[in-house]
Amino acid sequence: NANFDIDLYLLAKDRYDLYQERYDFYSHQKDFFSKQIPNHTFSDKRQNIVNTQYNMIESNIKRIENALIGYKEALNVYKKKGKVY
């Protein structure tokens, strides 16, 4: 039973770390877009593409934040149970 708990904890920890890396990646992209967009003049078509990409980045960040919260809660449950070595 204890091995099962540690295996699940390690799986959740790996997933948490993966989502944290993705969060960092998308946050960097969002910062880049935020700094670059005001410096350029785009055609309406290109502006729509840029806005779509930016919105997609924001949407991904929100989904990743929710996943991070879920995995963090799961990790805390394992820690509270004392099953993490």
PDB file of N, CA and C in Angstrom:
ATOM      1  N   ASN A   1       0.821  -1.196   0.000  1.00  0.00           N
ATOM      2  CA  ASN A   1       0.000   0.000   0.000  1.00  0.00           C
ATOM      3  C   ASN A   1       0.864   1.259   0.000  1.00  0.00           C
ATOM      4  N   ALA A   2       1.907   1.281   0.810  1.00  0.00           N
ATOM      5  CA  ALA A   2       2.785   2.448   0.857  1.00  0.00           C
ATOM      6  C   ALA A   2       3.492   2.654  -0.485  1.00  0.00           C
ATOM      7  N   ASN A   3       3.905   1.549  -1.138  1.00  0.00           N
ATOM      8  CA  ASN A   3       4.547   1.675  -2.448  1.00  0.00           C
ATOM      9  C   ASN A   3       3.589   2.253  -3.480  1.00  0.00           C
ATOM     10  N   PHE A   4       2.338   1.856  -3.393  1.00  0.00           N
ATOM     11  CA  PHE A   4       1.326   2.380  -4.303  1.00  0.00           C
ATOM     12  C   PHE A   4       1.195   3.886  -4.127  1.00  0.00           C
ATOM     13  N   ASP A   5       1.163   4.330  -2.869  1.00  0.00           N
ATOM     14  CA  ASP A   5       1.047   5.758  -2.603  1.00  0.00           C
ATOM     15  C   ASP A   5       2.258   6.532  -3.105  1.00  0.00           C
ATOM     16  N   ILE A   6       3.455   6.008  -2.887  1.00  0.00           N
ATOM     17  CA  ILE A   6       4.650   6.723  -3.343  1.00  0.00           C
ATOM     18  C   ILE A   6       4.700   6.750  -4.868  1.00  0.00           C
ATOM     19  N   ASP A   7       4.259   5.677  -5.507  1.00  0.00           N
ATOM     20  CA  ASP A   7       4.232   5.663  -6.969  1.00  0.00           C
ATOM     21  C   ASP A   7       3.266   6.714  -7.509  1.00  0.00           C
ATOM     22  N   LEU A   8       2.103   6.825  -6.901  1.00  0.00           N
ATOM     23  CA  LEU A   8       1.144   7.845  -7.329  1.00  0.00           C
ATOM     24  C   LEU A   8       1.672   9.246  -7.050  1.00  0.00           C
ATOM     25  N   TYR A   9       2.318   9.413  -5.923  1.00  0.00           N
ATOM     26  CA  TYR A   9       2.913  10.715  -5.596  1.00  0.00           C
ATOM     27  C   TYR A   9       3.957  11.086  -6.650  1.00  0.00           C
ATOM     28  N   LEU A  10       4.836  10.151  -6.980  1.00  0.00           N
ATOM     29  CA  LEU A  10       5.890  10.436  -7.955  1.00  0.00           C
ATOM     30  C   LEU A  10       5.310  10.741  -9.335  1.00  0.00           C
ATOM     31  N   LEU A  11       4.242  10.040  -9.701  1.00  0.00           N
ATOM     32  CA  LEU A  11       3.567  10.317 -10.963  1.00  0.00           C
ATOM     33  C   LEU A  11       2.984  11.729 -10.950  1.00  0.00           C
ATOM     34  N   ALA A  12       2.301  12.079  -9.870  1.00  0.00           N
ATOM     35  CA  ALA A  12       1.726  13.419  -9.751  1.00  0.00           C
ATOM     36  C   ALA A  12       2.827  14.484  -9.749  1.00  0.00           C
ATOM     37  N   LYS A  13       3.930  14.203  -9.109  1.00  0.00           N
ATOM     38  CA  LYS A  13       5.050  15.148  -9.058  1.00  0.00           C
ATOM     39  C   LYS A  13       5.651  15.344 -10.451  1.00  0.00           C
ATOM     40  N   ASP A  14       5.809  14.266 -11.187  1.00  0.00           N
ATOM     41  CA  ASP A  14       6.314  14.375 -12.559  1.00  0.00           C
ATOM     42  C   ASP A  14       5.383  15.205 -13.429  1.00  0.00           C
ATOM     43  N   ARG A  15       4.094  14.964 -13.300  1.00  0.00           N
ATOM     44  CA  ARG A  15       3.108  15.728 -14.073  1.00  0.00           C
ATOM     45  C   ARG A  15       3.118  17.195 -13.669  1.00  0.00           C
ATOM     46  N   TYR A  16       3.219  17.444 -12.370  1.00  0.00           N
ATOM     47  CA  TYR A  16       3.283  18.820 -11.874  1.00  0.00           C
ATOM     48  C   TYR A  16       4.495  19.530 -12.476  1.00  0.00           C
ATOM     49  N   ASP A  17       5.641  18.874 -12.457  1.00  0.00           N
ATOM     50  CA  ASP A  17       6.863  19.471 -13.011  1.00  0.00           C
ATOM     51  C   ASP A  17       6.721  19.744 -14.507  1.00  0.00           C
ATOM     52  N   LEU A  18       6.094  18.822 -15.224  1.00  0.00           N
ATOM     53  CA  LEU A  18       5.875  19.004 -16.652  1.00  0.00           C
ATOM     54  C   LEU A  18       4.979  20.213 -16.917  1.00  0.00           C
ATOM     55  N   TYR A  19       3.896  20.311 -16.162  1.00  0.00           N
ATOM     56  CA  TYR A  19       2.999  21.450 -16.339  1.00  0.00           C
ATOM     57  C   TYR A  19       3.667  22.752 -15.922  1.00  0.00           C
ATOM     58  N   GLN A  20       4.536  22.715 -14.956  1.00  0.00           N
ATOM     59  CA  GLN A  20       5.268  23.914 -14.549  1.00  0.00           C
ATOM     60  C   GLN A  20       6.189  24.383 -15.678  1.00  0.00           C
ATOM     61  N   GLU A  21       6.834  23.441 -16.353  1.00  0.00           N
ATOM     62  CA  GLU A  21       7.674  23.783 -17.508  1.00  0.00           C
ATOM     63  C   GLU A  21       6.840  24.406 -18.627  1.00  0.00           C
ATOM     64  N   ARG A  22       5.673  23.831 -18.868  1.00  0.00           N
ATOM     65  CA  ARG A  22       4.791  24.386 -19.899  1.00  0.00           C
ATOM     66  C   ARG A  22       4.310  25.776 -19.514  1.00  0.00           C
ATOM     67  N   TYR A  23       3.995  25.961 -18.245  1.00  0.00           N
ATOM     68  CA  TYR A  23       3.561  27.270 -17.760  1.00  0.00           C
ATOM     69  C   TYR A  23       4.658  28.303 -17.999  1.00  0.00           C
ATOM     70  N   ASP A  24       5.876  27.951 -17.660  1.00  0.00           N
ATOM     71  CA  ASP A  24       7.004  28.868 -17.868  1.00  0.00           C
ATOM     72  C   ASP A  24       7.165  29.210 -19.352  1.00  0.00           C
ATOM     73  N   PHE A  25       7.026  28.199 -20.210  1.00  0.00           N
ATOM     74  CA  PHE A  25       7.145  28.409 -21.658  1.00  0.00           C
ATOM     75  C   PHE A  25       6.080  29.378 -22.160  1.00  0.00           C
ATOM     76  N   TYR A  26       4.815  29.119 -21.836  1.00  0.00           N
ATOM     77  CA  TYR A  26       3.738  29.982 -22.312  1.00  0.00           C
ATOM     78  C   TYR A  26       3.788  31.364 -21.681  1.00  0.00           C
ATOM     79  N   SER A  27       4.210  31.459 -20.449  1.00  0.00           N
ATOM     80  CA  SER A  27       4.357  32.771 -19.815  1.00  0.00           C
ATOM     81  C   SER A  27       5.412  33.597 -20.535  1.00  0.00           C
ATOM     82  N   HIS A  28       6.502  32.937 -20.927  1.00  0.00           N
ATOM     83  CA  HIS A  28       7.553  33.623 -21.679  1.00  0.00           C
ATOM     84  C   HIS A  28       7.015  34.092 -23.032  1.00  0.00           C
ATOM     85  N   GLN A  29       6.251  33.241 -23.705  1.00  0.00           N
ATOM     86  CA  GLN A  29       5.663  33.627 -24.988  1.00  0.00           C
ATOM     87  C   GLN A  29       4.718  34.813 -24.825  1.00  0.00           C
ATOM     88  N   LYS A  30       3.907  34.782 -23.780  1.00  0.00           N
ATOM     89  CA  LYS A  30       2.963  35.873 -23.538  1.00  0.00           C
ATOM     90  C   LYS A  30       3.705  37.176 -23.292  1.00  0.00           C
ATOM     91  N   ASP A  31       4.760  37.128 -22.493  1.00  0.00           N
ATOM     92  CA  ASP A  31       5.564  38.328 -22.238  1.00  0.00           C
ATOM     93  C   ASP A  31       6.171  38.858 -23.539  1.00  0.00           C
ATOM     94  N   PHE A  32       6.686  37.955 -24.358  1.00  0.00           N
ATOM     95  CA  PHE A  32       7.266  38.356 -25.634  1.00  0.00           C
ATOM     96  C   PHE A  32       6.230  39.050 -26.508  1.00  0.00           C
ATOM     97  N   PHE A  33       5.051  38.436 -26.641  1.00  0.00           N
ATOM     98  CA  PHE A  33       3.980  39.038 -27.430  1.00  0.00           C
ATOM     99  C   PHE A  33       3.590  40.397 -26.867  1.00  0.00           C
ATOM    100  N   SER A  34       3.469  40.477 -25.566  1.00  0.00           N
ATOM    101  CA  SER A  34       3.047  41.731 -24.932  1.00  0.00           C
ATOM    102  C   SER A  34       4.023  42.870 -25.216  1.00  0.00           C
ATOM    103  N   LYS A  35       5.288  42.532 -25.307  1.00  0.00           N
ATOM    104  CA  LYS A  35       6.300  43.557 -25.575  1.00  0.00           C
ATOM    105  C   LYS A  35       6.419  43.882 -27.060  1.00  0.00           C
ATOM    106  N   GLN A  36       6.156  42.912 -27.919  1.00  0.00           N
ATOM    107  CA  GLN A  36       6.347  43.101 -29.352  1.00  0.00           C
ATOM    108  C   GLN A  36       5.141  43.723 -30.047  1.00  0.00           C
ATOM    109  N   ILE A  37       3.951  43.393 -29.613  1.00  0.00           N
ATOM    110  CA  ILE A  37       2.738  43.843 -30.311  1.00  0.00           C
ATOM    111  C   ILE A  37       2.647  45.373 -30.395  1.00  0.00           C
ATOM    112  N   PRO A  38       2.877  46.100 -29.303  1.00  0.00           N
ATOM    113  CA  PRO A  38       2.749  47.558 -29.407  1.00  0.00           C
ATOM    114  C   PRO A  38       3.771  48.211 -30.344  1.00  0.00           C
ATOM    115  N   ASN A  39       4.865  47.526 -30.638  1.00  0.00           N
ATOM    116  CA  ASN A  39       5.922  48.096 -31.474  1.00  0.00           C
ATOM    117  C   ASN A  39       5.689  47.901 -32.968  1.00  0.00           C
ATOM    118  N   HIS A  40       4.613  47.231 -33.339  1.00  0.00           N
ATOM    119  CA  HIS A  40       4.367  46.931 -34.748  1.00  0.00           C
ATOM    120  C   HIS A  40       2.988  47.412 -35.188  1.00  0.00           C
ATOM    121  N   THR A  41       2.921  47.732 -36.444  1.00  0.00           N
ATOM    122  CA  THR A  41       1.644  48.050 -37.063  1.00  0.00           C
ATOM    123  C   THR A  41       1.300  46.886 -37.983  1.00  0.00           C
ATOM    124  N   PHE A  42       0.116  46.335 -37.774  1.00  0.00           N
ATOM    125  CA  PHE A  42      -0.296  45.160 -38.538  1.00  0.00           C
ATOM    126  C   PHE A  42      -1.494  45.499 -39.406  1.00  0.00           C
ATOM    127  N   SER A  43      -1.607  44.791 -40.506  1.00  0.00           N
ATOM    128  CA  SER A  43      -2.831  44.865 -41.290  1.00  0.00           C
ATOM    129  C   SER A  43      -3.946  44.249 -40.451  1.00  0.00           C
ATOM    130  N   ASP A  44      -5.178  44.482 -40.817  1.00  0.00           N
ATOM    131  CA  ASP A  44      -6.298  43.928 -40.055  1.00  0.00           C
ATOM    132  C   ASP A  44      -6.238  42.408 -40.004  1.00  0.00           C
ATOM    133  N   LYS A  45      -5.906  41.799 -41.147  1.00  0.00           N
ATOM    134  CA  LYS A  45      -5.826  40.339 -41.196  1.00  0.00           C
ATOM    135  C   LYS A  45      -4.727  39.834 -40.265  1.00  0.00           C
ATOM    136  N   ARG A  46      -3.569  40.459 -40.344  1.00  0.00           N
ATOM    137  CA  ARG A  46      -2.443  40.039 -39.492  1.00  0.00           C
ATOM    138  C   ARG A  46      -2.758  40.316 -38.023  1.00  0.00           C
ATOM    139  N   GLN A  47      -3.430  41.412 -37.729  1.00  0.00           N
ATOM    140  CA  GLN A  47      -3.804  41.734 -36.345  1.00  0.00           C
ATOM    141  C   GLN A  47      -4.736  40.675 -35.780  1.00  0.00           C
ATOM    142  N   ASN A  48      -5.657  40.179 -36.611  1.00  0.00           N
ATOM    143  CA  ASN A  48      -6.556  39.109 -36.173  1.00  0.00           C
ATOM    144  C   ASN A  48      -5.784  37.832 -35.859  1.00  0.00           C
ATOM    145  N   ILE A  49      -4.793  37.533 -36.665  1.00  0.00           N
ATOM    146  CA  ILE A  49      -3.965  36.345 -36.428  1.00  0.00           C
ATOM    147  C   ILE A  49      -3.185  36.495 -35.128  1.00  0.00           C
ATOM    148  N   VAL A  50      -2.589  37.660 -34.947  1.00  0.00           N
ATOM    149  CA  VAL A  50      -1.822  37.915 -33.727  1.00  0.00           C
ATOM    150  C   VAL A  50      -2.729  37.828 -32.499  1.00  0.00           C
ATOM    151  N   ASN A  51      -3.902  38.433 -32.582  1.00  0.00           N
ATOM    152  CA  ASN A  51      -4.849  38.380 -31.460  1.00  0.00           C
ATOM    153  C   ASN A  51      -5.277  36.951 -31.163  1.00  0.00           C
ATOM    154  N   THR A  52      -5.508  36.159 -32.198  1.00  0.00           N
ATOM    155  CA  THR A  52      -5.893  34.760 -32.015  1.00  0.00           C
ATOM    156  C   THR A  52      -4.777  33.991 -31.316  1.00  0.00           C
ATOM    157  N   GLN A  53      -3.551  34.202 -31.756  1.00  0.00           N
ATOM    158  CA  GLN A  53      -2.414  33.529 -31.132  1.00  0.00           C
ATOM    159  C   GLN A  53      -2.261  33.944 -29.665  1.00  0.00           C
ATOM    160  N   TYR A  54      -2.399  35.224 -29.409  1.00  0.00           N
ATOM    161  CA  TYR A  54      -2.280  35.721 -28.039  1.00  0.00           C
ATOM    162  C   TYR A  54      -3.373  35.129 -27.150  1.00  0.00           C
ATOM    163  N   ASN A  55      -4.594  35.096 -27.663  1.00  0.00           N
ATOM    164  CA  ASN A  55      -5.704  34.521 -26.897  1.00  0.00           C
ATOM    165  C   ASN A  55      -5.492  33.034 -26.636  1.00  0.00           C
ATOM    166  N   MET A  56      -4.913  32.342 -27.619  1.00  0.00           N
ATOM    167  CA  MET A  56      -4.627  30.922 -27.445  1.00  0.00           C
ATOM    168  C   MET A  56      -3.583  30.725 -26.344  1.00  0.00           C
ATOM    169  N   ILE A  57      -2.578  31.573 -26.313  1.00  0.00           N
ATOM    170  CA  ILE A  57      -1.557  31.500 -25.268  1.00  0.00           C
ATOM    171  C   ILE A  57      -2.192  31.734 -23.900  1.00  0.00           C
ATOM    172  N   GLU A  58      -3.030  32.754 -23.790  1.00  0.00           N
ATOM    173  CA  GLU A  58      -3.709  33.027 -22.515  1.00  0.00           C
ATOM    174  C   GLU A  58      -4.585  31.858 -22.087  1.00  0.00           C
ATOM    175  N   SER A  59      -5.289  31.265 -23.029  1.00  0.00           N
ATOM    176  CA  SER A  59      -6.142  30.119 -22.729  1.00  0.00           C
ATOM    177  C   SER A  59      -5.308  28.940 -22.222  1.00  0.00           C
ATOM    178  N   ASN A  60      -4.181  28.692 -22.878  1.00  0.00           N
ATOM    179  CA  ASN A  60      -3.295  27.614 -22.433  1.00  0.00           C
ATOM    180  C   ASN A  60      -2.767  27.874 -21.034  1.00  0.00           C
ATOM    181  N   ILE A  61      -2.410  29.103 -20.761  1.00  0.00           N
ATOM    182  CA  ILE A  61      -1.904  29.453 -19.430  1.00  0.00           C
ATOM    183  C   ILE A  61      -2.969  29.178 -18.373  1.00  0.00           C
ATOM    184  N   LYS A  62      -4.201  29.540 -18.644  1.00  0.00           N
ATOM    185  CA  LYS A  62      -5.282  29.309 -17.678  1.00  0.00           C
ATOM    186  C   LYS A  62      -5.509  27.818 -17.431  1.00  0.00           C
ATOM    187  N   ARG A  63      -5.492  27.026 -18.509  1.00  0.00           N
ATOM    188  CA  ARG A  63      -5.656  25.578 -18.356  1.00  0.00           C
ATOM    189  C   ARG A  63      -4.505  24.982 -17.553  1.00  0.00           C
ATOM    190  N   ILE A  64      -3.311  25.430 -17.835  1.00  0.00           N
ATOM    191  CA  ILE A  64      -2.144  24.919 -17.122  1.00  0.00           C
ATOM    192  C   ILE A  64      -2.188  25.331 -15.657  1.00  0.00           C
ATOM    193  N   GLU A  65      -2.612  26.550 -15.383  1.00  0.00           N
ATOM    194  CA  GLU A  65      -2.745  26.992 -13.988  1.00  0.00           C
ATOM    195  C   GLU A  65      -3.719  26.102 -13.232  1.00  0.00           C
ATOM    196  N   ASN A  66      -4.841  25.758 -13.860  1.00  0.00           N
ATOM    197  CA  ASN A  66      -5.814  24.871 -13.219  1.00  0.00           C
ATOM    198  C   ASN A  66      -5.232  23.483 -12.970  1.00  0.00           C
ATOM    199  N   ALA A  67      -4.486  22.982 -13.936  1.00  0.00           N
ATOM    200  CA  ALA A  67      -3.838  21.670 -13.762  1.00  0.00           C
ATOM    201  C   ALA A  67      -2.821  21.731 -12.630  1.00  0.00           C
ATOM    202  N   LEU A  68      -2.046  22.804 -12.566  1.00  0.00           N
ATOM    203  CA  LEU A  68      -1.054  22.949 -11.496  1.00  0.00           C
ATOM    204  C   LEU A  68      -1.720  22.968 -10.126  1.00  0.00           C
ATOM    205  N   ILE A  69      -2.840  23.647 -10.036  1.00  0.00           N
ATOM    206  CA  ILE A  69      -3.575  23.690  -8.765  1.00  0.00           C
ATOM    207  C   ILE A  69      -4.022  22.284  -8.378  1.00  0.00           C
ATOM    208  N   GLY A  70      -4.569  21.544  -9.334  1.00  0.00           N
ATOM    209  CA  GLY A  70      -5.028  20.183  -9.060  1.00  0.00           C
ATOM    210  C   GLY A  70      -3.899  19.263  -8.630  1.00  0.00           C
ATOM    211  N   TYR A  71      -2.798  19.300  -9.357  1.00  0.00           N
ATOM    212  CA  TYR A  71      -1.667  18.448  -8.993  1.00  0.00           C
ATOM    213  C   TYR A  71      -1.059  18.856  -7.655  1.00  0.00           C
ATOM    214  N   LYS A  72      -1.019  20.155  -7.397  1.00  0.00           N
ATOM    215  CA  LYS A  72      -0.481  20.626  -6.110  1.00  0.00           C
ATOM    216  C   LYS A  72      -1.347  20.112  -4.957  1.00  0.00           C
ATOM    217  N   GLU A  73      -2.660  20.149  -5.131  1.00  0.00           N
ATOM    218  CA  GLU A  73      -3.561  19.623  -4.105  1.00  0.00           C
ATOM    219  C   GLU A  73      -3.343  18.128  -3.900  1.00  0.00           C
ATOM    220  N   ALA A  74      -3.172  17.396  -4.990  1.00  0.00           N
ATOM    221  CA  ALA A  74      -2.921  15.954  -4.877  1.00  0.00           C
ATOM    222  C   ALA A  74      -1.610  15.697  -4.144  1.00  0.00           C
ATOM    223  N   LEU A  75      -0.589  16.451  -4.467  1.00  0.00           N
ATOM    224  CA  LEU A  75       0.707  16.286  -3.793  1.00  0.00           C
ATOM    225  C   LEU A  75       0.582  16.588  -2.301  1.00  0.00           C
ATOM    226  N   ASN A  76      -0.197  17.600  -1.966  1.00  0.00           N
ATOM    227  CA  ASN A  76      -0.390  17.941  -0.552  1.00  0.00           C
ATOM    228  C   ASN A  76      -1.124  16.836   0.203  1.00  0.00           C
ATOM    229  N   VAL A  77      -2.067  16.179  -0.459  1.00  0.00           N
ATOM    230  CA  VAL A  77      -2.788  15.073   0.177  1.00  0.00           C
ATOM    231  C   VAL A  77      -1.816  13.955   0.526  1.00  0.00           C
ATOM    232  N   TYR A  78      -0.949  13.605  -0.405  1.00  0.00           N
ATOM    233  CA  TYR A  78       0.036  12.553  -0.138  1.00  0.00           C
ATOM    234  C   TYR A  78       0.984  12.955   0.987  1.00  0.00           C
ATOM    235  N   LYS A  79       1.376  14.216   1.010  1.00  0.00           N
ATOM    236  CA  LYS A  79       2.276  14.686   2.062  1.00  0.00           C
ATOM    237  C   LYS A  79       1.584  14.610   3.427  1.00  0.00           C
ATOM    238  N   LYS A  80       0.312  14.987   3.480  1.00  0.00           N
ATOM    239  CA  LYS A  80      -0.442  14.960   4.743  1.00  0.00           C
ATOM    240  C   LYS A  80      -0.629  13.527   5.246  1.00  0.00           C
ATOM    241  N   LYS A  81      -0.763  12.602   4.311  1.00  0.00           N
ATOM    242  CA  LYS A  81      -0.924  11.203   4.703  1.00  0.00           C
ATOM    243  C   LYS A  81       0.391  10.614   5.259  1.00  0.00           C
ATOM    244  N   GLY A  82       1.490  11.327   5.006  1.00  0.00           N
ATOM    245  CA  GLY A  82       2.768  10.838   5.479  1.00  0.00           C
ATOM    246  C   GLY A  82       3.309   9.692   4.653  1.00  0.00           C
ATOM    247  N   LYS A  83       2.830   9.564   3.437  1.00  0.00           N
ATOM    248  CA  LYS A  83       3.233   8.453   2.585  1.00  0.00           C
ATOM    249  C   LYS A  83       4.406   8.808   1.697  1.00  0.00           C
ATOM    250  N   VAL A  84       4.868  10.042   1.754  1.00  0.00           N
ATOM    251  CA  VAL A  84       5.979  10.472   0.924  1.00  0.00           C
ATOM    252  C   VAL A  84       7.254  10.364   1.719  1.00  0.00           C
ATOM    253  N   TYR A  85       8.220   9.733   1.128  1.00  0.00           N
ATOM    254  CA  TYR A  85       9.493   9.515   1.830  1.00  0.00           C
ATOM    255  C   TYR A  85      10.523  10.517   1.392  1.00  0.00           C
TER     256      TYR A  85
END
